Amino acid sequence: MHVSGIYYPKNQSQSKDVELRLSELGVTLYEYGSVLAQYSEYQQGQQITGLPVEISFEDGSRFVPHSTAHRWPSQSTWDAWVEKVERHKLALLCCVVMSAVFVWLLFFKIIPSGAAAAAKALPDSVKQATSEQTLKAIELIYLEPTQLATDQQQHIQSLWQSHIKRIDNPPPNLILHHYQAPEIGANAFALPDGQVVLTDELAELLKDNDTALLAILLHEIGHVEHQHGITLAAQSAGASVALALMFGDLEGFAEIVLGTGSTLLQQQFSRDMEREADSYALEQLSNLGYSPTAFAEAMQALAEEHKMDSELGNTLLQYMSSHPSVSERIERAKQAQ
């Protein structure tokens, strides 16, 4: 095989126009008919359609063919197949579509299913350790000691304990904490091991409506029942690993893209989980003999407190929100009644 091209000697800035001859004994480079260099082995570079495929030698020198169509005998079957696909527009389009389908399946089917299975398999000690660390971090940043009157705390705890006893097979180790949270405001959240935090602001907001407060607490118990906390953590970790493997160790703009992608995926998972916890609360309210409209009343009070648009008509806002729209949740409660 005779191939003309450019030879780049090691540690030299000047290139040379040479002719390469390839035989069973190796590679011989000729300049003006004289032997310039000889090599017993060579390594083929990356193959990209439309560009010449260079080869490199053991001393660091390189040879780049003049022809972009030239291919070396060492070309692998996989490289040949990839190049054939790249040259075929229909095949390339099919690969793009299949890649998009695979990514959708990975992030919205495979990772969520795997995370849910992993969450069920994790021992209670892991959930407890995760919950304790999370609560300490939130305490440090957002929470302050409760300012609720003692009798109000006792009343809420009595409401909590009396109804837990009436729930069929409630999650184990359910504990209700009271905290003041000026930055968070009226809210409640659950940790994987069964700890539930109720802010003073929410307790004050619903102090005249015990059933609405119970609906919120049942919603948080729903998160514990379905192991949403640890599942969400597993989903987020899985999505981050998948994105890193897909895009590599990139910097700058790529870091922003990866972070945004992971966040949006997590928000989508969160909306599905919120709907599942809502369903749990509505079902338990009915089983306990209360009207599901109590949940609608709680949602309406929260919407007014946080100045949220109950309609949330903007499609982009609906997608970016980590919770279903308030109007959707209220409507579900009314339909449940």
C-alpha atoms as a PDB file:
ATOM      1  CA  MET A   1       0.000   0.000   0.000  1.00  0.00           C
ATOM      2  CA  HIS A   2       1.374   3.411  -1.046  1.00  0.00           C
ATOM      3  CA  VAL A   3      -0.102   6.518   0.580  1.00  0.00           C
ATOM      4  CA  SER A   4       1.009  10.135   0.181  1.00  0.00           C
ATOM      5  CA  GLY A   5       0.658  12.540   3.062  1.00  0.00           C
ATOM      6  CA  ILE A   6       2.328  14.765   5.617  1.00  0.00           C
ATOM      7  CA  TYR A   7       4.791  13.480   8.200  1.00  0.00           C
ATOM      8  CA  TYR A   8       5.157  15.295  11.545  1.00  0.00           C
ATOM      9  CA  PRO A   9       8.448  14.215  13.184  1.00  0.00           C
ATOM     10  CA  LYS A  10       8.634  14.178  16.947  1.00  0.00           C
ATOM     11  CA  ASN A  11       9.738  17.454  18.584  1.00  0.00           C
ATOM     12  CA  GLN A  12       9.994  19.250  15.242  1.00  0.00           C
ATOM     13  CA  SER A  13       7.917  22.171  14.007  1.00  0.00           C
ATOM     14  CA  GLN A  14       8.521  21.476  10.328  1.00  0.00           C
ATOM     15  CA  SER A  15       6.430  18.863   8.521  1.00  0.00           C
ATOM     16  CA  LYS A  16       7.458  16.849   5.482  1.00  0.00           C
ATOM     17  CA  ASP A  17       5.612  15.674   2.374  1.00  0.00           C
ATOM     18  CA  VAL A  18       6.310  11.958   2.185  1.00  0.00           C
ATOM     19  CA  GLU A  19       5.134   8.711   0.718  1.00  0.00           C
ATOM     20  CA  LEU A  20       4.191   5.907   3.090  1.00  0.00           C
ATOM     21  CA  ARG A  21       4.550   2.278   2.143  1.00  0.00           C
ATOM     22  CA  LEU A  22       2.810  -0.299   4.293  1.00  0.00           C
ATOM     23  CA  SER A  23       3.903  -3.951   4.285  1.00  0.00           C
ATOM     24  CA  GLU A  24       3.848  -6.977   6.568  1.00  0.00           C
ATOM     25  CA  LEU A  25       7.157  -5.797   8.055  1.00  0.00           C
ATOM     26  CA  GLY A  26       5.757  -2.404   9.056  1.00  0.00           C
ATOM     27  CA  VAL A  27       5.753   1.190   7.793  1.00  0.00           C
ATOM     28  CA  THR A  28       8.419   2.849   5.680  1.00  0.00           C
ATOM     29  CA  LEU A  29       8.404   6.599   4.934  1.00  0.00           C
ATOM     30  CA  TYR A  30      10.100   7.940   1.790  1.00  0.00           C
ATOM     31  CA  GLU A  31      11.114  11.518   1.025  1.00  0.00           C
ATOM     32  CA  TYR A  32      12.186  12.138  -2.576  1.00  0.00           C
ATOM     33  CA  GLY A  33      12.751   8.392  -3.001  1.00  0.00           C
ATOM     34  CA  SER A  34      15.005   8.045   0.044  1.00  0.00           C
ATOM     35  CA  VAL A  35      14.054   6.229   3.239  1.00  0.00           C
ATOM     36  CA  LEU A  36      13.200   8.820   5.896  1.00  0.00           C
ATOM     37  CA  ALA A  37      11.985   6.606   8.726  1.00  0.00           C
ATOM     38  CA  GLN A  38      10.843   3.087   9.477  1.00  0.00           C
ATOM     39  CA  TYR A  39       8.403   1.789  12.084  1.00  0.00           C
ATOM     40  CA  SER A  40       7.298  -1.724  12.977  1.00  0.00           C
ATOM     41  CA  GLU A  41       3.986  -0.656  14.510  1.00  0.00           C
ATOM     42  CA  TYR A  42       1.507   2.168  14.244  1.00  0.00           C
ATOM     43  CA  GLN A  43      -1.721   3.225  15.934  1.00  0.00           C
ATOM     44  CA  GLN A  44      -4.746   4.509  14.050  1.00  0.00           C
ATOM     45  CA  GLY A  45      -6.326   7.775  15.198  1.00  0.00           C
ATOM     46  CA  GLN A  46      -9.996   8.594  15.630  1.00  0.00           C
ATOM     47  CA  GLN A  47     -12.067   8.108  12.527  1.00  0.00           C
ATOM     48  CA  ILE A  48     -14.366  11.030  11.629  1.00  0.00           C
ATOM     49  CA  THR A  49     -16.240  11.189   8.354  1.00  0.00           C
ATOM     50  CA  GLY A  50     -14.839  13.900   6.070  1.00  0.00           C
ATOM     51  CA  LEU A  51     -11.463  14.098   7.824  1.00  0.00           C
ATOM     52  CA  PRO A  52      -8.242  12.167   7.139  1.00  0.00           C
ATOM     53  CA  VAL A  53      -7.428   9.397   9.599  1.00  0.00           C
ATOM     54  CA  GLU A  54      -3.922   9.935  10.954  1.00  0.00           C
ATOM     55  CA  ILE A  55      -1.642   7.297  12.379  1.00  0.00           C
ATOM     56  CA  SER A  56       0.869   7.720  15.192  1.00  0.00           C
ATOM     57  CA  PHE A  57       4.127   5.906  15.841  1.00  0.00           C
ATOM     58  CA  GLU A  58       5.884   4.718  18.988  1.00  0.00           C
ATOM     59  CA  ASP A  59       8.287   7.696  19.080  1.00  0.00           C
ATOM     60  CA  GLY A  60       5.437  10.261  18.997  1.00  0.00           C
ATOM     61  CA  SER A  61       5.647  11.075  15.280  1.00  0.00           C
ATOM     62  CA  ARG A  62       2.472  11.276  13.181  1.00  0.00           C
ATOM     63  CA  PHE A  63       1.420  10.752   9.564  1.00  0.00           C
ATOM     64  CA  VAL A  64      -1.690  12.375   8.033  1.00  0.00           C
ATOM     65  CA  PRO A  65      -2.832  11.193   4.577  1.00  0.00           C
ATOM     66  CA  HIS A  66      -3.680  13.769   1.932  1.00  0.00           C
ATOM     67  CA  SER A  67      -6.869  11.867   1.058  1.00  0.00           C
ATOM     68  CA  THR A  68      -9.784  12.166   3.452  1.00  0.00           C
ATOM     69  CA  ALA A  69     -11.234   8.952   2.025  1.00  0.00           C
ATOM     70  CA  HIS A  70      -8.236   6.747   2.822  1.00  0.00           C
ATOM     71  CA  ARG A  71      -8.763   4.039   5.426  1.00  0.00           C
ATOM     72  CA  TRP A  72      -6.142   1.843   7.079  1.00  0.00           C
ATOM     73  CA  PRO A  73      -6.207  -1.969   7.195  1.00  0.00           C
ATOM     74  CA  SER A  74      -6.371  -1.804  10.992  1.00  0.00           C
ATOM     75  CA  GLN A  75      -9.808  -0.184  10.856  1.00  0.00           C
ATOM     76  CA  SER A  76     -12.177  -2.081  13.136  1.00  0.00           C
ATOM     77  CA  THR A  77     -15.510  -3.508  12.024  1.00  0.00           C
ATOM     78  CA  TRP A  78     -17.251  -1.161  14.460  1.00  0.00           C
ATOM     79  CA  ASP A  79     -15.541   1.924  12.998  1.00  0.00           C
ATOM     80  CA  ALA A  80     -16.470   0.811   9.499  1.00  0.00           C
ATOM     81  CA  TRP A  81     -20.100   0.336  10.528  1.00  0.00           C
ATOM     82  CA  VAL A  82     -20.226   3.742  12.227  1.00  0.00           C
ATOM     83  CA  GLU A  83     -18.792   5.442   9.171  1.00  0.00           C
ATOM     84  CA  LYS A  84     -21.329   3.719   6.936  1.00  0.00           C
ATOM     85  CA  VAL A  85     -24.162   4.975   9.170  1.00  0.00           C
ATOM     86  CA  GLU A  86     -22.736   8.521   9.164  1.00  0.00           C
ATOM     87  CA  ARG A  87     -22.766   8.539   5.359  1.00  0.00           C
ATOM     88  CA  HIS A  88     -26.365   7.253   5.155  1.00  0.00           C
ATOM     89  CA  LYS A  89     -28.831  10.036   5.996  1.00  0.00           C
ATOM     90  CA  LEU A  90     -31.803   7.791   6.733  1.00  0.00           C
ATOM     91  CA  ALA A  91     -29.748   5.518   8.989  1.00  0.00           C
ATOM     92  CA  LEU A  92     -28.317   8.552  10.772  1.00  0.00           C
ATOM     93  CA  LEU A  93     -31.836   9.942  11.325  1.00  0.00           C
ATOM     94  CA  CYS A  94     -32.961   6.602  12.739  1.00  0.00           C
ATOM     95  CA  CYS A  95     -30.012   6.610  15.165  1.00  0.00           C
ATOM     96  CA  VAL A  96     -30.893  10.114  16.342  1.00  0.00           C
ATOM     97  CA  VAL A  97     -34.517   9.119  16.949  1.00  0.00           C
ATOM     98  CA  MET A  98     -33.486   5.930  18.732  1.00  0.00           C
ATOM     99  CA  SER A  99     -31.069   7.894  20.925  1.00  0.00           C
ATOM    100  CA  ALA A 100     -33.839  10.305  21.916  1.00  0.00           C
ATOM    101  CA  VAL A 101     -36.153   7.388  22.748  1.00  0.00           C
ATOM    102  CA  PHE A 102     -33.417   5.725  24.797  1.00  0.00           C
ATOM    103  CA  VAL A 103     -32.751   8.920  26.774  1.00  0.00           C
ATOM    104  CA  TRP A 104     -36.483   9.294  27.493  1.00  0.00           C
ATOM    105  CA  LEU A 105     -36.736   5.670  28.639  1.00  0.00           C
ATOM    106  CA  LEU A 106     -33.608   6.050  30.770  1.00  0.00           C
ATOM    107  CA  PHE A 107     -34.659   9.160  32.665  1.00  0.00           C
ATOM    108  CA  PHE A 108     -38.417   8.656  32.896  1.00  0.00           C
ATOM    109  CA  LYS A 109     -38.745   4.873  33.134  1.00  0.00           C
ATOM    110  CA  ILE A 110     -35.520   3.043  33.952  1.00  0.00           C
ATOM    111  CA  ILE A 111     -34.070   5.428  36.567  1.00  0.00           C
ATOM    112  CA  PRO A 112     -37.397   5.957  38.433  1.00  0.00           C
ATOM    113  CA  SER A 113     -38.090   2.206  38.491  1.00  0.00           C
ATOM    114  CA  GLY A 114     -34.564   1.431  39.625  1.00  0.00           C
ATOM    115  CA  ALA A 115     -34.684   4.143  42.290  1.00  0.00           C
ATOM    116  CA  ALA A 116     -37.989   2.826  43.652  1.00  0.00           C
ATOM    117  CA  ALA A 117     -36.581  -0.701  43.850  1.00  0.00           C
ATOM    118  CA  ALA A 118     -33.404   0.560  45.523  1.00  0.00           C
ATOM    119  CA  ALA A 119     -35.419   2.542  48.076  1.00  0.00           C
ATOM    120  CA  LYS A 120     -37.329  -0.578  49.126  1.00  0.00           C
ATOM    121  CA  ALA A 121     -34.113  -2.578  49.456  1.00  0.00           C
ATOM    122  CA  LEU A 122     -32.292  -0.042  51.629  1.00  0.00           C
ATOM    123  CA  PRO A 123     -32.112  -0.937  55.332  1.00  0.00           C
ATOM    124  CA  ASP A 124     -33.854   1.264  57.893  1.00  0.00           C
ATOM    125  CA  SER A 125     -30.467   2.332  59.287  1.00  0.00           C
ATOM    126  CA  VAL A 126     -29.644   4.084  55.988  1.00  0.00           C
ATOM    127  CA  LYS A 127     -32.992   5.903  55.936  1.00  0.00           C
ATOM    128  CA  GLN A 128     -32.537   6.951  59.557  1.00  0.00           C
ATOM    129  CA  ALA A 129     -29.006   8.245  58.985  1.00  0.00           C
ATOM    130  CA  THR A 130     -30.090  10.128  55.863  1.00  0.00           C
ATOM    131  CA  SER A 131     -33.032  11.677  57.700  1.00  0.00           C
ATOM    132  CA  GLU A 132     -30.959  12.775  60.676  1.00  0.00           C
ATOM    133  CA  GLN A 133     -28.346  14.441  58.461  1.00  0.00           C
ATOM    134  CA  THR A 134     -31.030  16.147  56.381  1.00  0.00           C
ATOM    135  CA  LEU A 135     -32.874  17.449  59.417  1.00  0.00           C
ATOM    136  CA  LYS A 136     -29.664  18.818  60.949  1.00  0.00           C
ATOM    137  CA  ALA A 137     -28.843  20.657  57.724  1.00  0.00           C
ATOM    138  CA  ILE A 138     -32.345  22.132  57.471  1.00  0.00           C
ATOM    139  CA  GLU A 139     -32.303  23.076  61.152  1.00  0.00           C
ATOM    140  CA  LEU A 140     -29.046  24.937  60.645  1.00  0.00           C
ATOM    141  CA  ILE A 141     -30.271  26.927  57.655  1.00  0.00           C
ATOM    142  CA  TYR A 142     -34.042  27.349  57.907  1.00  0.00           C
ATOM    143  CA  LEU A 143     -35.515  26.205  61.220  1.00  0.00           C
ATOM    144  CA  GLU A 144     -35.728  27.824  64.645  1.00  0.00           C
ATOM    145  CA  PRO A 145     -37.172  26.584  67.954  1.00  0.00           C
ATOM    146  CA  THR A 146     -40.962  26.538  67.989  1.00  0.00           C
ATOM    147  CA  GLN A 147     -42.831  29.496  69.454  1.00  0.00           C
ATOM    148  CA  LEU A 148     -46.206  27.739  69.634  1.00  0.00           C
ATOM    149  CA  ALA A 149     -47.956  27.805  72.978  1.00  0.00           C
ATOM    150  CA  THR A 150     -47.680  24.564  74.936  1.00  0.00           C
ATOM    151  CA  ASP A 151     -51.409  23.889  74.845  1.00  0.00           C
ATOM    152  CA  GLN A 152     -51.477  24.355  71.056  1.00  0.00           C
ATOM    153  CA  GLN A 153     -48.588  21.917  70.632  1.00  0.00           C
ATOM    154  CA  GLN A 154     -50.352  19.396  72.857  1.00  0.00           C
ATOM    155  CA  HIS A 155     -53.555  19.800  70.868  1.00  0.00           C
ATOM    156  CA  ILE A 156     -51.769  19.156  67.547  1.00  0.00           C
ATOM    157  CA  GLN A 157     -49.862  16.192  68.984  1.00  0.00           C
ATOM    158  CA  SER A 158     -53.118  14.742  70.276  1.00  0.00           C
ATOM    159  CA  LEU A 159     -54.685  15.229  66.834  1.00  0.00           C
ATOM    160  CA  TRP A 160     -51.666  13.498  65.293  1.00  0.00           C
ATOM    161  CA  GLN A 161     -51.487  10.528  67.674  1.00  0.00           C
ATOM    162  CA  SER A 162     -55.223   9.817  67.828  1.00  0.00           C
ATOM    163  CA  HIS A 163     -55.556   9.602  64.050  1.00  0.00           C
ATOM    164  CA  ILE A 164     -52.378   7.578  63.499  1.00  0.00           C
ATOM    165  CA  LYS A 165     -53.931   4.884  65.699  1.00  0.00           C
ATOM    166  CA  ARG A 166     -56.977   4.813  63.416  1.00  0.00           C
ATOM    167  CA  ILE A 167     -54.987   4.411  60.173  1.00  0.00           C
ATOM    168  CA  ASP A 168     -54.668   0.872  58.838  1.00  0.00           C
ATOM    169  CA  ASN A 169     -51.000  -0.181  58.840  1.00  0.00           C
ATOM    170  CA  PRO A 170     -49.430   3.279  59.233  1.00  0.00           C
ATOM    171  CA  PRO A 171     -45.701   3.644  58.529  1.00  0.00           C
ATOM    172  CA  PRO A 172     -43.592   2.848  61.619  1.00  0.00           C
ATOM    173  CA  ASN A 173     -41.740   5.426  63.725  1.00  0.00           C
ATOM    174  CA  LEU A 174     -43.922   8.407  62.822  1.00  0.00           C
ATOM    175  CA  ILE A 175     -42.844  11.479  64.830  1.00  0.00           C
ATOM    176  CA  LEU A 176     -44.155  15.038  64.551  1.00  0.00           C
ATOM    177  CA  HIS A 177     -41.782  17.976  65.183  1.00  0.00           C
ATOM    178  CA  HIS A 178     -42.656  21.649  65.667  1.00  0.00           C
ATOM    179  CA  TYR A 179     -40.358  24.365  64.343  1.00  0.00           C
ATOM    180  CA  GLN A 180     -40.580  28.015  63.510  1.00  0.00           C
ATOM    181  CA  ALA A 181     -39.498  28.695  59.920  1.00  0.00           C
ATOM    182  CA  PRO A 182     -39.570  32.401  58.966  1.00  0.00           C
ATOM    183  CA  GLU A 183     -37.942  31.816  55.580  1.00  0.00           C
ATOM    184  CA  ILE A 184     -40.040  28.794  54.622  1.00  0.00           C
ATOM    185  CA  GLY A 185     -43.313  30.031  56.052  1.00  0.00           C
ATOM    186  CA  ALA A 186     -46.438  27.864  56.296  1.00  0.00           C
ATOM    187  CA  ASN A 187     -45.263  24.408  55.295  1.00  0.00           C
ATOM    188  CA  ALA A 188     -44.692  20.806  56.320  1.00  0.00           C
ATOM    189  CA  PHE A 189     -42.326  18.128  55.078  1.00  0.00           C
ATOM    190  CA  ALA A 190     -41.520  14.482  55.751  1.00  0.00           C
ATOM    191  CA  LEU A 191     -38.209  12.653  56.077  1.00  0.00           C
ATOM    192  CA  PRO A 192     -37.626   9.058  54.919  1.00  0.00           C
ATOM    193  CA  ASP A 193     -37.557   7.533  58.416  1.00  0.00           C
ATOM    194  CA  GLY A 194     -41.004   8.844  59.430  1.00  0.00           C
ATOM    195  CA  GLN A 195     -40.133  12.208  60.960  1.00  0.00           C
ATOM    196  CA  VAL A 196     -42.552  14.969  59.938  1.00  0.00           C
ATOM    197  CA  VAL A 197     -41.873  18.675  60.461  1.00  0.00           C
ATOM    198  CA  LEU A 198     -44.755  21.106  60.911  1.00  0.00           C
ATOM    199  CA  THR A 199     -43.913  24.803  60.903  1.00  0.00           C
ATOM    200  CA  ASP A 200     -45.483  27.209  63.391  1.00  0.00           C
ATOM    201  CA  GLU A 201     -46.659  29.306  60.460  1.00  0.00           C
ATOM    202  CA  LEU A 202     -48.760  26.443  59.079  1.00  0.00           C
ATOM    203  CA  ALA A 203     -50.090  25.560  62.514  1.00  0.00           C
ATOM    204  CA  GLU A 204     -51.220  29.175  62.984  1.00  0.00           C
ATOM    205  CA  LEU A 205     -52.687  29.336  59.479  1.00  0.00           C
ATOM    206  CA  LEU A 206     -54.932  26.309  60.106  1.00  0.00           C
ATOM    207  CA  LYS A 207     -55.457  26.658  63.868  1.00  0.00           C
ATOM    208  CA  ASP A 208     -59.212  27.027  63.377  1.00  0.00           C
ATOM    209  CA  ASN A 209     -59.501  24.102  60.954  1.00  0.00           C
ATOM    210  CA  ASP A 210     -58.204  20.857  62.511  1.00  0.00           C
ATOM    211  CA  THR A 211     -59.470  18.738  59.620  1.00  0.00           C
ATOM    212  CA  ALA A 212     -57.526  20.794  57.062  1.00  0.00           C
ATOM    213  CA  LEU A 213     -54.398  20.503  59.229  1.00  0.00           C
ATOM    214  CA  LEU A 214     -54.985  16.752  59.487  1.00  0.00           C
ATOM    215  CA  ALA A 215     -55.223  16.586  55.682  1.00  0.00           C
ATOM    216  CA  ILE A 216     -51.759  18.159  55.397  1.00  0.00           C
ATOM    217  CA  LEU A 217     -50.299  15.769  57.973  1.00  0.00           C
ATOM    218  CA  LEU A 218     -51.837  12.794  56.158  1.00  0.00           C
ATOM    219  CA  HIS A 219     -50.261  14.066  52.945  1.00  0.00           C
ATOM    220  CA  GLU A 220     -46.838  13.997  54.619  1.00  0.00           C
ATOM    221  CA  ILE A 221     -47.501  10.516  55.974  1.00  0.00           C
ATOM    222  CA  GLY A 222     -48.220   9.554  52.359  1.00  0.00           C
ATOM    223  CA  HIS A 223     -44.696  10.597  51.445  1.00  0.00           C
ATOM    224  CA  VAL A 224     -43.340   8.319  54.171  1.00  0.00           C
ATOM    225  CA  GLU A 225     -45.636   5.446  53.205  1.00  0.00           C
ATOM    226  CA  HIS A 226     -44.466   5.525  49.575  1.00  0.00           C
ATOM    227  CA  GLN A 227     -40.807   6.198  50.531  1.00  0.00           C
ATOM    228  CA  HIS A 228     -40.688   9.287  48.348  1.00  0.00           C
ATOM    229  CA  GLY A 229     -37.785  10.933  50.163  1.00  0.00           C
ATOM    230  CA  ILE A 230     -35.238   8.165  49.692  1.00  0.00           C
ATOM    231  CA  THR A 231     -36.595   7.383  46.203  1.00  0.00           C
ATOM    232  CA  LEU A 232     -36.143  10.992  45.125  1.00  0.00           C
ATOM    233  CA  ALA A 233     -32.560  10.966  46.411  1.00  0.00           C
ATOM    234  CA  ALA A 234     -31.844   7.779  44.459  1.00  0.00           C
ATOM    235  CA  GLN A 235     -33.430   9.235  41.312  1.00  0.00           C
ATOM    236  CA  SER A 236     -31.408  12.414  41.568  1.00  0.00           C
ATOM    237  CA  ALA A 237     -28.182  10.458  42.054  1.00  0.00           C
ATOM    238  CA  GLY A 238     -28.995   8.156  39.151  1.00  0.00           C
ATOM    239  CA  ALA A 239     -29.818  11.059  36.844  1.00  0.00           C
ATOM    240  CA  SER A 240     -26.590  12.854  37.783  1.00  0.00           C
ATOM    241  CA  VAL A 241     -24.488   9.764  37.110  1.00  0.00           C
ATOM    242  CA  ALA A 242     -26.218   9.128  33.778  1.00  0.00           C
ATOM    243  CA  LEU A 243     -25.718  12.721  32.639  1.00  0.00           C
ATOM    244  CA  ALA A 244     -22.052  12.629  33.655  1.00  0.00           C
ATOM    245  CA  LEU A 245     -21.502   9.413  31.705  1.00  0.00           C
ATOM    246  CA  MET A 246     -23.283  10.802  28.655  1.00  0.00           C
ATOM    247  CA  PHE A 247     -21.523  14.159  28.509  1.00  0.00           C
ATOM    248  CA  GLY A 248     -18.213  13.398  30.196  1.00  0.00           C
ATOM    249  CA  ASP A 249     -16.234  15.620  32.544  1.00  0.00           C
ATOM    250  CA  LEU A 250     -17.137  18.947  30.944  1.00  0.00           C
ATOM    251  CA  GLU A 251     -16.669  22.436  32.346  1.00  0.00           C
ATOM    252  CA  GLY A 252     -18.214  25.863  31.998  1.00  0.00           C
ATOM    253  CA  PHE A 253     -21.419  25.868  29.993  1.00  0.00           C
ATOM    254  CA  ALA A 254     -21.765  22.098  30.159  1.00  0.00           C
ATOM    255  CA  GLU A 255     -21.866  22.218  33.959  1.00  0.00           C
ATOM    256  CA  ILE A 256     -24.848  24.568  33.777  1.00  0.00           C
ATOM    257  CA  VAL A 257     -26.607  22.296  31.304  1.00  0.00           C
ATOM    258  CA  LEU A 258     -26.016  19.203  33.411  1.00  0.00           C
ATOM    259  CA  GLY A 259     -27.193  20.894  36.582  1.00  0.00           C
ATOM    260  CA  THR A 260     -30.329  22.240  34.927  1.00  0.00           C
ATOM    261  CA  GLY A 261     -31.163  18.872  33.412  1.00  0.00           C
ATOM    262  CA  SER A 262     -30.856  17.105  36.729  1.00  0.00           C
ATOM    263  CA  THR A 263     -33.015  19.740  38.441  1.00  0.00           C
ATOM    264  CA  LEU A 264     -35.791  19.565  35.853  1.00  0.00           C
ATOM    265  CA  LEU A 265     -35.869  15.781  36.061  1.00  0.00           C
ATOM    266  CA  GLN A 266     -36.081  15.944  39.827  1.00  0.00           C
ATOM    267  CA  GLN A 267     -38.972  18.433  39.601  1.00  0.00           C
ATOM    268  CA  GLN A 268     -40.888  16.061  37.338  1.00  0.00           C
ATOM    269  CA  PHE A 269     -40.411  13.189  39.759  1.00  0.00           C
ATOM    270  CA  SER A 270     -41.552  15.432  42.594  1.00  0.00           C
ATOM    271  CA  ARG A 271     -44.862  16.283  40.900  1.00  0.00           C
ATOM    272  CA  ASP A 272     -45.673  12.599  40.462  1.00  0.00           C
ATOM    273  CA  MET A 273     -44.851  11.945  44.088  1.00  0.00           C
ATOM    274  CA  GLU A 274     -46.984  14.866  45.263  1.00  0.00           C
ATOM    275  CA  ARG A 275     -49.961  13.466  43.382  1.00  0.00           C
ATOM    276  CA  GLU A 276     -49.401  10.064  45.008  1.00  0.00           C
ATOM    277  CA  ALA A 277     -49.212  11.625  48.471  1.00  0.00           C
ATOM    278  CA  ASP A 278     -52.368  13.629  47.709  1.00  0.00           C
ATOM    279  CA  SER A 279     -54.178  10.407  46.830  1.00  0.00           C
ATOM    280  CA  TYR A 280     -53.049   8.847  50.103  1.00  0.00           C
ATOM    281  CA  ALA A 281     -54.342  11.830  52.089  1.00  0.00           C
ATOM    282  CA  LEU A 282     -57.715  11.853  50.311  1.00  0.00           C
ATOM    283  CA  GLU A 283     -58.147   8.116  50.828  1.00  0.00           C
ATOM    284  CA  GLN A 284     -57.272   8.304  54.516  1.00  0.00           C
ATOM    285  CA  LEU A 285     -59.564  11.279  55.086  1.00  0.00           C
ATOM    286  CA  SER A 286     -62.422   9.245  53.656  1.00  0.00           C
ATOM    287  CA  ASN A 287     -61.504   6.181  55.735  1.00  0.00           C
ATOM    288  CA  LEU A 288     -61.413   8.329  58.882  1.00  0.00           C
ATOM    289  CA  GLY A 289     -64.862   9.688  58.169  1.00  0.00           C
ATOM    290  CA  TYR A 290     -63.898  13.206  57.005  1.00  0.00           C
ATOM    291  CA  SER A 291     -64.789  14.990  53.799  1.00  0.00           C
ATOM    292  CA  PRO A 292     -61.975  15.220  51.217  1.00  0.00           C
ATOM    293  CA  THR A 293     -62.883  18.891  50.862  1.00  0.00           C
ATOM    294  CA  ALA A 294     -60.724  19.431  53.967  1.00  0.00           C
ATOM    295  CA  PHE A 295     -57.719  18.883  51.719  1.00  0.00           C
ATOM    296  CA  ALA A 296     -59.084  21.440  49.245  1.00  0.00           C
ATOM    297  CA  GLU A 297     -59.497  23.932  52.088  1.00  0.00           C
ATOM    298  CA  ALA A 298     -55.899  23.372  53.161  1.00  0.00           C
ATOM    299  CA  MET A 299     -54.629  23.885  49.603  1.00  0.00           C
ATOM    300  CA  GLN A 300     -56.649  27.066  49.209  1.00  0.00           C
ATOM    301  CA  ALA A 301     -55.335  28.463  52.505  1.00  0.00           C
ATOM    302  CA  LEU A 302     -51.741  27.677  51.496  1.00  0.00           C
ATOM    303  CA  ALA A 303     -52.250  29.258  48.079  1.00  0.00           C
ATOM    304  CA  GLU A 304     -53.533  32.460  49.635  1.00  0.00           C
ATOM    305  CA  GLU A 305     -50.776  32.493  52.278  1.00  0.00           C
ATOM    306  CA  HIS A 306     -47.986  32.065  49.720  1.00  0.00           C
ATOM    307  CA  LYS A 307     -49.728  34.285  47.162  1.00  0.00           C
ATOM    308  CA  MET A 308     -49.777  31.507  44.587  1.00  0.00           C
ATOM    309  CA  ASP A 309     -51.958  31.659  41.505  1.00  0.00           C
ATOM    310  CA  SER A 310     -54.442  28.851  42.042  1.00  0.00           C
ATOM    311  CA  GLU A 311     -54.908  28.523  38.301  1.00  0.00           C
ATOM    312  CA  LEU A 312     -51.211  28.583  37.343  1.00  0.00           C
ATOM    313  CA  GLY A 313     -52.251  28.722  33.731  1.00  0.00           C
ATOM    314  CA  ASN A 314     -48.839  29.311  32.213  1.00  0.00           C
ATOM    315  CA  THR A 315     -47.608  26.016  30.746  1.00  0.00           C
ATOM    316  CA  LEU A 316     -43.948  26.803  31.411  1.00  0.00           C
ATOM    317  CA  LEU A 317     -44.694  27.616  35.059  1.00  0.00           C
ATOM    318  CA  GLN A 318     -46.576  24.340  35.406  1.00  0.00           C
ATOM    319  CA  TYR A 319     -43.561  22.451  34.110  1.00  0.00           C
ATOM    320  CA  MET A 320     -41.073  24.268  36.328  1.00  0.00           C
ATOM    321  CA  SER A 321     -43.216  23.899  39.470  1.00  0.00           C
ATOM    322  CA  SER A 322     -42.206  21.042  41.767  1.00  0.00           C
ATOM    323  CA  HIS A 323     -45.860  20.529  42.762  1.00  0.00           C
ATOM    324  CA  PRO A 324     -49.054  20.042  40.744  1.00  0.00           C
ATOM    325  CA  SER A 325     -51.022  23.258  40.317  1.00  0.00           C
ATOM    326  CA  VAL A 326     -53.232  24.251  43.252  1.00  0.00           C
ATOM    327  CA  SER A 327     -56.329  24.226  41.048  1.00  0.00           C
ATOM    328  CA  GLU A 328     -55.578  20.637  39.996  1.00  0.00           C
ATOM    329  CA  ARG A 329     -55.194  19.515  43.612  1.00  0.00           C
ATOM    330  CA  ILE A 330     -58.366  21.265  44.726  1.00  0.00           C
ATOM    331  CA  GLU A 331     -60.308  19.760  41.839  1.00  0.00           C
ATOM    332  CA  ARG A 332     -59.083  16.267  42.726  1.00  0.00           C
ATOM    333  CA  ALA A 333     -60.245  16.745  46.311  1.00  0.00           C
ATOM    334  CA  LYS A 334     -63.691  17.850  45.130  1.00  0.00           C
ATOM    335  CA  GLN A 335     -63.961  14.872  42.791  1.00  0.00           C
ATOM    336  CA  ALA A 336     -62.944  12.541  45.612  1.00  0.00           C
ATOM    337  CA  GLN A 337     -65.893  13.808  47.628  1.00  0.00           C
END
